[in-house]
């Protein structure tokens, strides 16, 4: 059921936070929300109120990742998940 809902999503569809959580089975907080139930990593970029400098360059999102102090690590938390670029393990 959930996979079919995700498969029907198309670019430009807007989901509120509750719909996002219900659809992907993810946490209601954070910019990177890992969901083991749907084997996905949901990326949230907030251009209205954010401590990060995410930006679009044509159709590529330059996403800042996790970590607010010092250098960010590609081996830290969801940065590692995003960097691996593989489907999440069950």
C-alpha atoms as a PDB file:
ATOM      1  CA  UNK A   1       0.000   0.000   0.000  1.00  0.00           C
ATOM      2  CA  UNK A   2       2.666   2.536   1.069  1.00  0.00           C
ATOM      3  CA  UNK A   3       4.892   1.709  -1.907  1.00  0.00           C
ATOM      4  CA  UNK A   4       2.020   2.375  -4.303  1.00  0.00           C
ATOM      5  CA  UNK A   5       1.403   5.780  -2.664  1.00  0.00           C
ATOM      6  CA  UNK A   6       5.083   6.659  -2.999  1.00  0.00           C
ATOM      7  CA  UNK A   7       5.153   5.456  -6.618  1.00  0.00           C
ATOM      8  CA  UNK A   8       2.275   7.805  -7.468  1.00  0.00           C
ATOM      9  CA  UNK A   9       4.125  10.897  -6.199  1.00  0.00           C
ATOM     10  CA  UNK A  10       5.225  13.214  -8.979  1.00  0.00           C
ATOM     11  CA  UNK A  11       7.570  16.216  -9.048  1.00  0.00           C
ATOM     12  CA  UNK A  12       5.903  19.340  -7.744  1.00  0.00           C
ATOM     13  CA  UNK A  13       3.516  17.548  -5.384  1.00  0.00           C
ATOM     14  CA  UNK A  14       3.454  19.356  -2.058  1.00  0.00           C
ATOM     15  CA  UNK A  15       3.026  17.397   1.161  1.00  0.00           C
ATOM     16  CA  UNK A  16       2.526  18.889   4.578  1.00  0.00           C
ATOM     17  CA  UNK A  17       4.569  17.465   7.441  1.00  0.00           C
ATOM     18  CA  UNK A  18       1.874  14.996   8.535  1.00  0.00           C
ATOM     19  CA  UNK A  19       1.386  13.707   4.977  1.00  0.00           C
ATOM     20  CA  UNK A  20       5.151  13.327   4.621  1.00  0.00           C
ATOM     21  CA  UNK A  21       5.333  11.277   7.835  1.00  0.00           C
ATOM     22  CA  UNK A  22       2.299   9.158   6.920  1.00  0.00           C
ATOM     23  CA  UNK A  23       3.567   8.486   3.386  1.00  0.00           C
ATOM     24  CA  UNK A  24       7.165   7.595   4.218  1.00  0.00           C
ATOM     25  CA  UNK A  25       6.863   6.409   7.826  1.00  0.00           C
ATOM     26  CA  UNK A  26       9.494   8.903   8.922  1.00  0.00           C
ATOM     27  CA  UNK A  27      10.073  11.217  11.866  1.00  0.00           C
ATOM     28  CA  UNK A  28       8.242  14.559  11.923  1.00  0.00           C
ATOM     29  CA  UNK A  29      11.501  16.435  12.569  1.00  0.00           C
ATOM     30  CA  UNK A  30      14.815  17.001  10.876  1.00  0.00           C
ATOM     31  CA  UNK A  31      16.130  17.728   7.428  1.00  0.00           C
ATOM     32  CA  UNK A  32      17.112  14.124   6.710  1.00  0.00           C
ATOM     33  CA  UNK A  33      14.553  11.588   7.860  1.00  0.00           C
ATOM     34  CA  UNK A  34      15.507   7.944   7.476  1.00  0.00           C
ATOM     35  CA  UNK A  35      12.669   5.447   7.239  1.00  0.00           C
ATOM     36  CA  UNK A  36      13.495   1.778   7.558  1.00  0.00           C
ATOM     37  CA  UNK A  37       9.881   0.794   6.835  1.00  0.00           C
ATOM     38  CA  UNK A  38       9.937   2.343   3.344  1.00  0.00           C
ATOM     39  CA  UNK A  39      13.710   2.027   2.870  1.00  0.00           C
ATOM     40  CA  UNK A  40      13.994   5.718   2.085  1.00  0.00           C
ATOM     41  CA  UNK A  41      15.790   8.864   3.120  1.00  0.00           C
ATOM     42  CA  UNK A  42      13.484  11.865   2.985  1.00  0.00           C
ATOM     43  CA  UNK A  43      15.277  15.169   2.355  1.00  0.00           C
ATOM     44  CA  UNK A  44      13.565  18.324   3.624  1.00  0.00           C
ATOM     45  CA  UNK A  45      14.905  21.679   2.493  1.00  0.00           C
ATOM     46  CA  UNK A  46      13.276  24.687   4.122  1.00  0.00           C
ATOM     47  CA  UNK A  47      13.983  27.941   2.285  1.00  0.00           C
ATOM     48  CA  UNK A  48      11.911  30.044   4.649  1.00  0.00           C
ATOM     49  CA  UNK A  49      13.423  29.304   8.041  1.00  0.00           C
ATOM     50  CA  UNK A  50      16.684  27.356   8.050  1.00  0.00           C
ATOM     51  CA  UNK A  51      20.122  27.325   9.648  1.00  0.00           C
ATOM     52  CA  UNK A  52      21.503  25.661   6.501  1.00  0.00           C
ATOM     53  CA  UNK A  53      22.306  27.125   3.095  1.00  0.00           C
ATOM     54  CA  UNK A  54      20.614  24.626   0.774  1.00  0.00           C
ATOM     55  CA  UNK A  55      20.218  25.950  -2.744  1.00  0.00           C
ATOM     56  CA  UNK A  56      18.997  24.941  -6.169  1.00  0.00           C
ATOM     57  CA  UNK A  57      21.225  25.314  -9.239  1.00  0.00           C
ATOM     58  CA  UNK A  58      18.891  24.774 -12.192  1.00  0.00           C
ATOM     59  CA  UNK A  59      17.462  21.352 -11.277  1.00  0.00           C
ATOM     60  CA  UNK A  60      20.174  20.193  -8.851  1.00  0.00           C
ATOM     61  CA  UNK A  61      19.703  20.632  -5.101  1.00  0.00           C
ATOM     62  CA  UNK A  62      22.928  21.420  -3.263  1.00  0.00           C
ATOM     63  CA  UNK A  63      22.009  20.074   0.150  1.00  0.00           C
ATOM     64  CA  UNK A  64      24.019  20.971   3.247  1.00  0.00           C
ATOM     65  CA  UNK A  65      23.552  17.792   5.290  1.00  0.00           C
ATOM     66  CA  UNK A  66      23.724  17.215   9.056  1.00  0.00           C
ATOM     67  CA  UNK A  67      26.006  19.029  11.457  1.00  0.00           C
ATOM     68  CA  UNK A  68      26.075  22.623  12.613  1.00  0.00           C
ATOM     69  CA  UNK A  69      29.531  22.843  14.212  1.00  0.00           C
ATOM     70  CA  UNK A  70      32.864  22.368  12.521  1.00  0.00           C
ATOM     71  CA  UNK A  71      33.332  20.397   9.323  1.00  0.00           C
ATOM     72  CA  UNK A  72      30.551  18.036   8.337  1.00  0.00           C
ATOM     73  CA  UNK A  73      31.474  14.387   8.052  1.00  0.00           C
ATOM     74  CA  UNK A  74      30.289  12.058   5.306  1.00  0.00           C
ATOM     75  CA  UNK A  75      30.475   9.267   7.894  1.00  0.00           C
ATOM     76  CA  UNK A  76      28.091  10.948  10.377  1.00  0.00           C
ATOM     77  CA  UNK A  77      24.477   9.806  10.828  1.00  0.00           C
ATOM     78  CA  UNK A  78      22.304  10.431   7.753  1.00  0.00           C
ATOM     79  CA  UNK A  79      25.159  12.149   5.892  1.00  0.00           C
ATOM     80  CA  UNK A  80      26.575   8.640   5.534  1.00  0.00           C
ATOM     81  CA  UNK A  81      23.241   7.289   4.284  1.00  0.00           C
ATOM     82  CA  UNK A  82      22.978  10.093   1.732  1.00  0.00           C
ATOM     83  CA  UNK A  83      26.618   9.749   0.635  1.00  0.00           C
ATOM     84  CA  UNK A  84      26.323   5.978   0.091  1.00  0.00           C
ATOM     85  CA  UNK A  85      23.564   6.545  -2.446  1.00  0.00           C
ATOM     86  CA  UNK A  86      22.288   2.978  -2.063  1.00  0.00           C
ATOM     87  CA  UNK A  87      18.829   1.796  -1.049  1.00  0.00           C
ATOM     88  CA  UNK A  88      18.577   1.466   2.718  1.00  0.00           C
ATOM     89  CA  UNK A  89      18.930  -1.994   4.197  1.00  0.00           C
ATOM     90  CA  UNK A  90      15.852  -3.612   5.659  1.00  0.00           C
END
